[in-house]
PDB file of all heavy atoms in Angstrom:
ATOM      1  N   GLY A   1      -3.900  -6.577 -10.704  1.00  0.00           N
ATOM      2  CA  GLY A   1      -2.473  -6.309 -10.815  1.00  0.00           C
ATOM      3  C   GLY A   1      -2.051  -6.390 -12.222  1.00  0.00           C
ATOM      4  O   GLY A   1      -2.820  -6.527 -13.187  1.00  0.00           O
ATOM      5  N   GLU A   2      -0.752  -6.284 -12.414  1.00  0.00           N
ATOM      6  CA  GLU A   2      -0.088  -6.245 -13.784  1.00  0.00           C
ATOM      7  C   GLU A   2       1.033  -7.194 -13.786  1.00  0.00           C
ATOM      8  O   GLU A   2       1.839  -7.330 -12.839  1.00  0.00           O
ATOM      9  CB  GLU A   2       0.331  -4.809 -14.009  1.00  0.00           C
ATOM     10  CG  GLU A   2       1.034  -4.669 -15.383  1.00  0.00           C
ATOM     11  CD  GLU A   2       2.560  -4.750 -15.300  1.00  0.00           C
ATOM     12  OE1 GLU A   2       3.112  -4.651 -14.169  1.00  0.00           O
ATOM     13  OE2 GLU A   2       3.205  -5.136 -16.359  1.00  0.00           O
ATOM     14  N   LYS A   3       1.112  -7.979 -14.853  1.00  0.00           N
ATOM     15  CA  LYS A   3       2.177  -8.929 -15.095  1.00  0.00           C
ATOM     16  C   LYS A   3       2.582  -8.947 -16.557  1.00  0.00           C
ATOM     17  O   LYS A   3       1.750  -9.232 -17.385  1.00  0.00           O
ATOM     18  CB  LYS A   3       1.741 -10.360 -14.652  1.00  0.00           C
ATOM     19  CG  LYS A   3       2.824 -11.438 -14.800  1.00  0.00           C
ATOM     20  CD  LYS A   3       3.999 -11.208 -13.847  1.00  0.00           C
ATOM     21  CE  LYS A   3       4.915 -12.372 -13.963  1.00  0.00           C
ATOM     22  NZ  LYS A   3       6.116 -12.218 -12.972  1.00  0.00           N
ATOM     23  N   GLN A   4       3.801  -8.554 -16.829  1.00  0.00           N
ATOM     24  CA  GLN A   4       4.366  -8.440 -18.144  1.00  0.00           C
ATOM     25  C   GLN A   4       3.452  -7.632 -19.045  1.00  0.00           C
ATOM     26  O   GLN A   4       3.153  -8.000 -20.199  1.00  0.00           O
ATOM     27  CB  GLN A   4       4.522  -9.878 -18.668  1.00  0.00           C
ATOM     28  CG  GLN A   4       5.595 -10.710 -17.922  1.00  0.00           C
ATOM     29  CD  GLN A   4       5.728 -12.112 -18.428  1.00  0.00           C
ATOM     30  OE1 GLN A   4       4.860 -12.567 -19.122  1.00  0.00           O
ATOM     31  NE2 GLN A   4       6.797 -12.708 -18.015  1.00  0.00           N
ATOM     32  N   GLY A   5       2.945  -6.515 -18.507  1.00  0.00           N
ATOM     33  CA  GLY A   5       2.148  -5.535 -19.301  1.00  0.00           C
ATOM     34  C   GLY A   5       0.665  -5.902 -19.394  1.00  0.00           C
ATOM     35  O   GLY A   5      -0.076  -5.158 -19.980  1.00  0.00           O
ATOM     36  N   GLU A   6       0.235  -7.089 -18.833  1.00  0.00           N
ATOM     37  CA  GLU A   6      -1.154  -7.499 -18.950  1.00  0.00           C
ATOM     38  C   GLU A   6      -1.806  -7.456 -17.571  1.00  0.00           C
ATOM     39  O   GLU A   6      -1.127  -7.697 -16.525  1.00  0.00           O
ATOM     40  CB  GLU A   6      -1.299  -8.815 -19.603  1.00  0.00           C
ATOM     41  CG  GLU A   6      -0.827  -8.745 -21.066  1.00  0.00           C
ATOM     42  CD  GLU A   6      -0.977 -10.059 -21.814  1.00  0.00           C
ATOM     43  OE1 GLU A   6      -0.734 -11.124 -21.149  1.00  0.00           O
ATOM     44  OE2 GLU A   6      -1.319 -10.064 -22.930  1.00  0.00           O
ATOM     45  N   THR A   7      -3.111  -7.289 -17.523  1.00  0.00           N
ATOM     46  CA  THR A   7      -3.907  -7.179 -16.337  1.00  0.00           C
ATOM     47  C   THR A   7      -4.405  -8.493 -15.788  1.00  0.00           C
ATOM     48  O   THR A   7      -4.746  -9.386 -16.663  1.00  0.00           O
ATOM     49  CB  THR A   7      -5.091  -6.235 -16.550  1.00  0.00           C
ATOM     50  OG1 THR A   7      -4.646  -4.907 -16.811  1.00  0.00           O
ATOM     51  CG2 THR A   7      -6.032  -6.194 -15.356  1.00  0.00           C
ATOM     52  N   TYR A   8      -4.407  -8.657 -14.471  1.00  0.00           N
ATOM     53  CA  TYR A   8      -5.085  -9.811 -13.840  1.00  0.00           C
ATOM     54  C   TYR A   8      -5.930  -9.276 -12.793  1.00  0.00           C
ATOM     55  O   TYR A   8      -5.684  -8.231 -12.202  1.00  0.00           O
ATOM     56  CB  TYR A   8      -4.094 -10.882 -13.353  1.00  0.00           C
ATOM     57  CG  TYR A   8      -3.185 -10.421 -12.222  1.00  0.00           C
ATOM     58  CD1 TYR A   8      -3.706 -10.400 -10.922  1.00  0.00           C
ATOM     59  CD2 TYR A   8      -1.865 -10.009 -12.436  1.00  0.00           C
ATOM     60  CE1 TYR A   8      -2.822 -10.038  -9.811  1.00  0.00           C
ATOM     61  CE2 TYR A   8      -1.070  -9.688 -11.377  1.00  0.00           C
ATOM     62  CZ  TYR A   8      -1.557  -9.655 -10.083  1.00  0.00           C
ATOM     63  OH  TYR A   8      -0.741  -9.279  -9.052  1.00  0.00           O
ATOM     64  N   LEU A   9      -7.018 -10.048 -12.474  1.00  0.00           N
ATOM     65  CA  LEU A   9      -7.773  -9.852 -11.341  1.00  0.00           C
ATOM     66  C   LEU A   9      -7.499 -10.932 -10.296  1.00  0.00           C
ATOM     67  O   LEU A   9      -6.922 -12.030 -10.646  1.00  0.00           O
ATOM     68  CB  LEU A   9      -9.313  -9.937 -11.673  1.00  0.00           C
ATOM     69  CG  LEU A   9      -9.768  -8.909 -12.643  1.00  0.00           C
ATOM     70  CD1 LEU A   9     -11.298  -9.088 -12.879  1.00  0.00           C
ATOM     71  CD2 LEU A   9      -9.524  -7.501 -12.210  1.00  0.00           C
ATOM     72  N   SER A  10      -7.723 -10.621  -8.996  1.00  0.00           N
ATOM     73  CA  SER A  10      -7.337 -11.586  -7.969  1.00  0.00           C
ATOM     74  C   SER A  10      -8.471 -11.680  -6.964  1.00  0.00           C
ATOM     75  O   SER A  10      -9.231 -10.713  -6.752  1.00  0.00           O
ATOM     76  CB  SER A  10      -6.031 -11.256  -7.323  1.00  0.00           C
ATOM     77  OG  SER A  10      -6.147  -9.953  -6.673  1.00  0.00           O
ATOM     78  N   PHE A  11      -8.515 -12.775  -6.306  1.00  0.00           N
ATOM     79  CA  PHE A  11      -9.558 -12.982  -5.187  1.00  0.00           C
ATOM     80  C   PHE A  11      -9.079 -14.090  -4.278  1.00  0.00           C
ATOM     81  O   PHE A  11      -8.292 -14.976  -4.625  1.00  0.00           O
ATOM     82  CB  PHE A  11     -10.955 -13.273  -5.730  1.00  0.00           C
ATOM     83  CG  PHE A  11     -10.995 -14.479  -6.676  1.00  0.00           C
ATOM     84  CD1 PHE A  11     -11.276 -15.765  -6.207  1.00  0.00           C
ATOM     85  CD2 PHE A  11     -10.700 -14.278  -8.043  1.00  0.00           C
ATOM     86  CE1 PHE A  11     -11.332 -16.843  -7.153  1.00  0.00           C
ATOM     87  CE2 PHE A  11     -10.794 -15.346  -8.943  1.00  0.00           C
ATOM     88  CZ  PHE A  11     -11.105 -16.643  -8.467  1.00  0.00           C
ATOM     89  N   GLY A  12      -9.398 -14.013  -2.985  1.00  0.00           N
ATOM     90  CA  GLY A  12      -8.992 -15.024  -2.094  1.00  0.00           C
ATOM     91  C   GLY A  12      -9.706 -15.002  -0.764  1.00  0.00           C
ATOM     92  O   GLY A  12     -10.540 -14.150  -0.492  1.00  0.00           O
ATOM     93  N   TYR A  13      -9.401 -16.010   0.028  1.00  0.00           N
ATOM     94  CA  TYR A  13      -9.995 -16.148   1.372  1.00  0.00           C
ATOM     95  C   TYR A  13      -8.972 -16.803   2.329  1.00  0.00           C
ATOM     96  O   TYR A  13      -8.354 -17.723   1.907  1.00  0.00           O
ATOM     97  CB  TYR A  13     -11.257 -16.934   1.352  1.00  0.00           C
ATOM     98  CG  TYR A  13     -11.799 -17.292   2.697  1.00  0.00           C
ATOM     99  CD1 TYR A  13     -12.580 -16.367   3.381  1.00  0.00           C
ATOM    100  CD2 TYR A  13     -11.448 -18.462   3.347  1.00  0.00           C
ATOM    101  CE1 TYR A  13     -13.067 -16.603   4.629  1.00  0.00           C
ATOM    102  CE2 TYR A  13     -11.890 -18.760   4.601  1.00  0.00           C
ATOM    103  CZ  TYR A  13     -12.731 -17.797   5.301  1.00  0.00           C
ATOM    104  OH  TYR A  13     -13.160 -18.068   6.534  1.00  0.00           O
ATOM    105  N   PRO A  14      -8.907 -16.342   3.625  1.00  0.00           N
ATOM    106  CA  PRO A  14      -9.461 -15.054   4.046  1.00  0.00           C
ATOM    107  C   PRO A  14      -8.618 -13.909   3.389  1.00  0.00           C
ATOM    108  O   PRO A  14      -7.955 -14.206   2.401  1.00  0.00           O
ATOM    109  CB  PRO A  14      -9.274 -15.088   5.583  1.00  0.00           C
ATOM    110  CG  PRO A  14      -8.178 -16.047   5.816  1.00  0.00           C
ATOM    111  CD  PRO A  14      -8.226 -17.021   4.688  1.00  0.00           C
ATOM    112  N   TYR A  15      -8.706 -12.753   3.914  1.00  0.00           N
ATOM    113  CA  TYR A  15      -8.170 -11.608   3.123  1.00  0.00           C
ATOM    114  C   TYR A  15      -6.726 -11.539   3.149  1.00  0.00           C
ATOM    115  O   TYR A  15      -5.977 -11.890   4.028  1.00  0.00           O
ATOM    116  CB  TYR A  15      -8.795 -10.330   3.654  1.00  0.00           C
ATOM    117  CG  TYR A  15      -8.615 -10.043   5.195  1.00  0.00           C
ATOM    118  CD1 TYR A  15      -7.492  -9.469   5.598  1.00  0.00           C
ATOM    119  CD2 TYR A  15      -9.684 -10.396   6.074  1.00  0.00           C
ATOM    120  CE1 TYR A  15      -7.362  -9.293   7.013  1.00  0.00           C
ATOM    121  CE2 TYR A  15      -9.531 -10.186   7.390  1.00  0.00           C
ATOM    122  CZ  TYR A  15      -8.387  -9.549   7.889  1.00  0.00           C
ATOM    123  OH  TYR A  15      -8.221  -9.381   9.209  1.00  0.00           O
ATOM    124  N   LEU A  16      -6.196 -10.903   2.059  1.00  0.00           N
ATOM    125  CA  LEU A  16      -4.895 -10.491   1.847  1.00  0.00           C
ATOM    126  C   LEU A  16      -4.868  -8.954   1.486  1.00  0.00           C
ATOM    127  O   LEU A  16      -5.610  -8.626   0.574  1.00  0.00           O
ATOM    128  CB  LEU A  16      -4.190 -11.257   0.768  1.00  0.00           C
ATOM    129  CG  LEU A  16      -2.807 -10.690   0.258  1.00  0.00           C
ATOM    130  CD1 LEU A  16      -1.748 -10.900   1.348  1.00  0.00           C
ATOM    131  CD2 LEU A  16      -2.401 -11.500  -1.035  1.00  0.00           C
ATOM    132  N   GLU A  17      -4.218  -8.144   2.257  1.00  0.00           N
ATOM    133  CA  GLU A  17      -4.164  -6.683   1.829  1.00  0.00           C
ATOM    134  C   GLU A  17      -2.683  -6.495   1.515  1.00  0.00           C
ATOM    135  O   GLU A  17      -1.755  -6.492   2.364  1.00  0.00           O
ATOM    136  CB  GLU A  17      -4.595  -5.798   3.081  1.00  0.00           C
ATOM    137  CG  GLU A  17      -6.100  -5.944   3.276  1.00  0.00           C
ATOM    138  CD  GLU A  17      -6.654  -4.553   3.603  1.00  0.00           C
ATOM    139  OE1 GLU A  17      -6.355  -4.027   4.698  1.00  0.00           O
ATOM    140  OE2 GLU A  17      -7.475  -4.069   2.825  1.00  0.00           O
ATOM    141  N   ALA A  18      -2.453  -6.144   0.228  1.00  0.00           N
ATOM    142  CA  ALA A  18      -1.102  -5.997  -0.287  1.00  0.00           C
ATOM    143  C   ALA A  18      -1.133  -5.077  -1.464  1.00  0.00           C
ATOM    144  O   ALA A  18      -2.143  -4.910  -2.118  1.00  0.00           O
ATOM    145  CB  ALA A  18      -0.611  -7.382  -0.702  1.00  0.00           C
ATOM    146  N   PRO A  19      -0.025  -4.384  -1.716  1.00  0.00           N
ATOM    147  CA  PRO A  19       1.284  -4.434  -0.975  1.00  0.00           C
ATOM    148  C   PRO A  19       1.231  -3.705   0.371  1.00  0.00           C
ATOM    149  O   PRO A  19       2.145  -3.705   1.126  1.00  0.00           O
ATOM    150  CB  PRO A  19       2.226  -3.753  -1.900  1.00  0.00           C
ATOM    151  CG  PRO A  19       1.368  -2.787  -2.622  1.00  0.00           C
ATOM    152  CD  PRO A  19       0.089  -3.349  -2.913  1.00  0.00           C
ATOM    153  N   TYR A  20       0.109  -2.974   0.624  1.00  0.00           N
ATOM    154  CA  TYR A  20      -0.058  -2.217   1.852  1.00  0.00           C
ATOM    155  C   TYR A  20      -1.520  -2.436   2.427  1.00  0.00           C
ATOM    156  O   TYR A  20      -2.374  -2.702   1.748  1.00  0.00           O
ATOM    157  CB  TYR A  20       0.186  -0.709   1.751  1.00  0.00           C
ATOM    158  CG  TYR A  20       1.534  -0.385   1.133  1.00  0.00           C
ATOM    159  CD1 TYR A  20       1.655  -0.046  -0.175  1.00  0.00           C
ATOM    160  CD2 TYR A  20       2.693  -0.414   1.959  1.00  0.00           C
ATOM    161  CE1 TYR A  20       2.984   0.311  -0.677  1.00  0.00           C
ATOM    162  CE2 TYR A  20       3.923  -0.145   1.418  1.00  0.00           C
ATOM    163  CZ  TYR A  20       4.087   0.233   0.125  1.00  0.00           C
ATOM    164  OH  TYR A  20       5.266   0.588  -0.396  1.00  0.00           O
ATOM    165  N   THR A  21      -1.565  -2.266   3.768  1.00  0.00           N
ATOM    166  CA  THR A  21      -2.863  -2.104   4.391  1.00  0.00           C
ATOM    167  C   THR A  21      -3.199  -0.657   4.578  1.00  0.00           C
ATOM    168  O   THR A  21      -2.354   0.125   5.068  1.00  0.00           O
ATOM    169  CB  THR A  21      -2.860  -2.756   5.832  1.00  0.00           C
ATOM    170  OG1 THR A  21      -2.629  -4.169   5.608  1.00  0.00           O
ATOM    171  CG2 THR A  21      -4.134  -2.588   6.545  1.00  0.00           C
ATOM    172  N   TYR A  22      -4.405  -0.198   4.054  1.00  0.00           N
ATOM    173  CA  TYR A  22      -4.772   1.265   4.244  1.00  0.00           C
ATOM    174  C   TYR A  22      -5.532   1.382   5.537  1.00  0.00           C
ATOM    175  O   TYR A  22      -6.801   1.094   5.598  1.00  0.00           O
ATOM    176  CB  TYR A  22      -5.529   1.677   3.014  1.00  0.00           C
ATOM    177  CG  TYR A  22      -5.829   3.136   2.918  1.00  0.00           C
ATOM    178  CD1 TYR A  22      -4.811   4.055   3.235  1.00  0.00           C
ATOM    179  CD2 TYR A  22      -7.014   3.632   2.556  1.00  0.00           C
ATOM    180  CE1 TYR A  22      -5.041   5.402   3.206  1.00  0.00           C
ATOM    181  CE2 TYR A  22      -7.266   5.017   2.468  1.00  0.00           C
ATOM    182  CZ  TYR A  22      -6.294   5.843   2.780  1.00  0.00           C
ATOM    183  OH  TYR A  22      -6.456   7.262   2.694  1.00  0.00           O
ATOM    184  N   LYS A  23      -4.881   1.790   6.571  1.00  0.00           N
ATOM    185  CA  LYS A  23      -5.460   1.710   7.866  1.00  0.00           C
ATOM    186  C   LYS A  23      -6.013   3.008   8.403  1.00  0.00           C
ATOM    187  O   LYS A  23      -6.843   3.122   9.348  1.00  0.00           O
ATOM    188  CB  LYS A  23      -4.469   1.155   8.913  1.00  0.00           C
ATOM    189  CG  LYS A  23      -3.335   2.082   9.212  1.00  0.00           C
ATOM    190  CD  LYS A  23      -2.454   1.523  10.371  1.00  0.00           C
ATOM    191  CE  LYS A  23      -1.414   2.513  10.809  1.00  0.00           C
ATOM    192  NZ  LYS A  23      -0.662   1.987  11.962  1.00  0.00           N
ATOM    193  N   ARG A  24      -5.579   4.131   7.799  1.00  0.00           N
ATOM    194  CA  ARG A  24      -5.931   5.455   8.277  1.00  0.00           C
ATOM    195  C   ARG A  24      -5.727   6.438   7.141  1.00  0.00           C
ATOM    196  O   ARG A  24      -4.980   6.168   6.211  1.00  0.00           O
ATOM    197  CB  ARG A  24      -5.097   5.879   9.538  1.00  0.00           C
ATOM    198  CG  ARG A  24      -5.687   7.090  10.231  1.00  0.00           C
ATOM    199  CD  ARG A  24      -4.891   7.321  11.560  1.00  0.00           C
ATOM    200  NE  ARG A  24      -5.344   8.503  12.228  1.00  0.00           N
ATOM    201  CZ  ARG A  24      -4.883   8.941  13.353  1.00  0.00           C
ATOM    202  NH1 ARG A  24      -3.912   8.328  13.905  1.00  0.00           N
ATOM    203  NH2 ARG A  24      -5.368  10.079  13.915  1.00  0.00           N
ATOM    204  N   LYS A  25      -6.391   7.576   7.202  1.00  0.00           N
ATOM    205  CA  LYS A  25      -6.238   8.506   6.049  1.00  0.00           C
ATOM    206  C   LYS A  25      -4.819   8.834   5.714  1.00  0.00           C
ATOM    207  O   LYS A  25      -4.070   9.249   6.591  1.00  0.00           O
ATOM    208  CB  LYS A  25      -7.002   9.882   6.487  1.00  0.00           C
ATOM    209  CG  LYS A  25      -6.979  10.871   5.296  1.00  0.00           C
ATOM    210  CD  LYS A  25      -7.812  12.104   5.668  1.00  0.00           C
ATOM    211  CE  LYS A  25      -7.702  13.160   4.556  1.00  0.00           C
ATOM    212  NZ  LYS A  25      -8.402  14.404   4.857  1.00  0.00           N
ATOM    213  N   LEU A  26      -4.504   8.604   4.510  1.00  0.00           N
ATOM    214  CA  LEU A  26      -3.175   8.764   3.932  1.00  0.00           C
ATOM    215  C   LEU A  26      -2.011   8.137   4.706  1.00  0.00           C
ATOM    216  O   LEU A  26      -0.981   8.648   4.837  1.00  0.00           O
ATOM    217  CB  LEU A  26      -2.877  10.364   3.820  1.00  0.00           C
ATOM    218  CG  LEU A  26      -3.917  11.175   3.046  1.00  0.00           C
ATOM    219  CD1 LEU A  26      -3.499  12.633   3.009  1.00  0.00           C
ATOM    220  CD2 LEU A  26      -4.119  10.598   1.712  1.00  0.00           C
ATOM    221  N   THR A  27      -2.393   6.926   5.236  1.00  0.00           N
ATOM    222  CA  THR A  27      -1.420   6.120   5.962  1.00  0.00           C
ATOM    223  C   THR A  27      -1.435   4.695   5.446  1.00  0.00           C
ATOM    224  O   THR A  27      -2.436   3.941   5.724  1.00  0.00           O
ATOM    225  CB  THR A  27      -1.826   6.146   7.476  1.00  0.00           C
ATOM    226  OG1 THR A  27      -1.884   7.474   7.926  1.00  0.00           O
ATOM    227  CG2 THR A  27      -0.719   5.374   8.263  1.00  0.00           C
ATOM    228  N   LEU A  28      -0.363   4.367   4.747  1.00  0.00           N
ATOM    229  CA  LEU A  28      -0.220   2.961   4.216  1.00  0.00           C
ATOM    230  C   LEU A  28       0.723   2.185   5.181  1.00  0.00           C
ATOM    231  O   LEU A  28       1.825   2.544   5.377  1.00  0.00           O
ATOM    232  CB  LEU A  28       0.426   2.972   2.802  1.00  0.00           C
ATOM    233  CG  LEU A  28      -0.489   3.599   1.727  1.00  0.00           C
ATOM    234  CD1 LEU A  28       0.302   3.779   0.464  1.00  0.00           C
ATOM    235  CD2 LEU A  28      -1.733   2.779   1.514  1.00  0.00           C
ATOM    236  N   ALA A  29       0.181   1.127   5.789  1.00  0.00           N
ATOM    237  CA  ALA A  29       0.904   0.300   6.720  1.00  0.00           C
ATOM    238  C   ALA A  29       1.368  -0.942   5.925  1.00  0.00           C
ATOM    239  O   ALA A  29       0.966  -1.223   4.823  1.00  0.00           O
ATOM    240  CB  ALA A  29      -0.014  -0.139   7.854  1.00  0.00           C
ATOM    241  N   PRO A  30       2.241  -1.717   6.553  1.00  0.00           N
ATOM    242  CA  PRO A  30       2.683  -2.930   5.861  1.00  0.00           C
ATOM    243  C   PRO A  30       1.509  -3.850   5.648  1.00  0.00           C
ATOM    244  O   PRO A  30       0.444  -3.838   6.179  1.00  0.00           O
ATOM    245  CB  PRO A  30       3.649  -3.612   6.951  1.00  0.00           C
ATOM    246  CG  PRO A  30       4.166  -2.447   7.765  1.00  0.00           C
ATOM    247  CD  PRO A  30       3.014  -1.470   7.806  1.00  0.00           C
ATOM    248  N   GLN A  31       1.735  -4.720   4.588  1.00  0.00           N
ATOM    249  CA  GLN A  31       0.663  -5.574   4.149  1.00  0.00           C
ATOM    250  C   GLN A  31       0.216  -6.543   5.305  1.00  0.00           C
ATOM    251  O   GLN A  31       0.897  -6.798   6.200  1.00  0.00           O
ATOM    252  CB  GLN A  31       1.065  -6.361   2.934  1.00  0.00           C
ATOM    253  CG  GLN A  31       1.871  -7.593   3.189  1.00  0.00           C
ATOM    254  CD  GLN A  31       2.009  -8.464   1.888  1.00  0.00           C
ATOM    255  OE1 GLN A  31       2.259  -8.011   0.811  1.00  0.00           O
ATOM    256  NE2 GLN A  31       1.797  -9.786   2.069  1.00  0.00           N
ATOM    257  N   SER A  32      -1.012  -7.101   5.156  1.00  0.00           N
ATOM    258  CA  SER A  32      -1.549  -8.003   6.102  1.00  0.00           C
ATOM    259  C   SER A  32      -2.131  -9.258   5.436  1.00  0.00           C
ATOM    260  O   SER A  32      -2.634  -9.061   4.328  1.00  0.00           O
ATOM    261  CB  SER A  32      -2.572  -7.330   6.984  1.00  0.00           C
ATOM    262  OG  SER A  32      -3.687  -6.868   6.185  1.00  0.00           O
ATOM    263  N   GLN A  33      -1.925 -10.350   6.055  1.00  0.00           N
ATOM    264  CA  GLN A  33      -2.501 -11.582   5.483  1.00  0.00           C
ATOM    265  C   GLN A  33      -3.090 -12.314   6.596  1.00  0.00           C
ATOM    266  O   GLN A  33      -2.423 -12.728   7.633  1.00  0.00           O
ATOM    267  CB  GLN A  33      -1.429 -12.433   4.785  1.00  0.00           C
ATOM    268  CG  GLN A  33      -1.963 -13.622   4.078  1.00  0.00           C
ATOM    269  CD  GLN A  33      -0.915 -14.309   3.168  1.00  0.00           C
ATOM    270  OE1 GLN A  33       0.247 -14.210   3.460  1.00  0.00           O
ATOM    271  NE2 GLN A  33      -1.294 -15.057   2.203  1.00  0.00           N
ATOM    272  N   ALA A  34      -4.449 -12.599   6.475  1.00  0.00           N
ATOM    273  CA  ALA A  34      -5.115 -13.355   7.545  1.00  0.00           C
ATOM    274  C   ALA A  34      -5.170 -14.821   7.224  1.00  0.00           C
ATOM    275  O   ALA A  34      -5.270 -15.241   6.068  1.00  0.00           O
ATOM    276  CB  ALA A  34      -6.558 -12.821   7.700  1.00  0.00           C
ATOM    277  N   PHE A  35      -5.170 -15.645   8.278  1.00  0.00           N
ATOM    278  CA  PHE A  35      -5.300 -17.116   8.135  1.00  0.00           C
ATOM    279  C   PHE A  35      -6.433 -17.684   8.868  1.00  0.00           C
ATOM    280  O   PHE A  35      -6.524 -17.404  10.112  1.00  0.00           O
ATOM    281  CB  PHE A  35      -3.966 -17.727   8.597  1.00  0.00           C
ATOM    282  CG  PHE A  35      -2.743 -17.491   7.728  1.00  0.00           C
ATOM    283  CD1 PHE A  35      -2.088 -16.271   7.807  1.00  0.00           C
ATOM    284  CD2 PHE A  35      -2.384 -18.455   6.759  1.00  0.00           C
ATOM    285  CE1 PHE A  35      -1.034 -16.037   6.978  1.00  0.00           C
ATOM    286  CE2 PHE A  35      -1.321 -18.153   5.952  1.00  0.00           C
ATOM    287  CZ  PHE A  35      -0.638 -16.953   6.039  1.00  0.00           C
ATOM    288  N   ALA A  36      -7.263 -18.335   8.202  1.00  0.00           N
ATOM    289  CA  ALA A  36      -8.455 -19.011   8.862  1.00  0.00           C
ATOM    290  C   ALA A  36      -8.025 -20.448   9.268  1.00  0.00           C
ATOM    291  O   ALA A  36      -7.119 -21.041   8.675  1.00  0.00           O
ATOM    292  CB  ALA A  36      -9.588 -19.103   7.885  1.00  0.00           C
TER     293      ALA A  36
END
């Protein structure tokens, strides 16, 4: 992502899909966040 013009990398567990979940060809669904 980008914050104040600078790049960051991110990682996590379990998964977070944001700002959208890409669920089907050319179809962006609302984001998803899984909880273990």
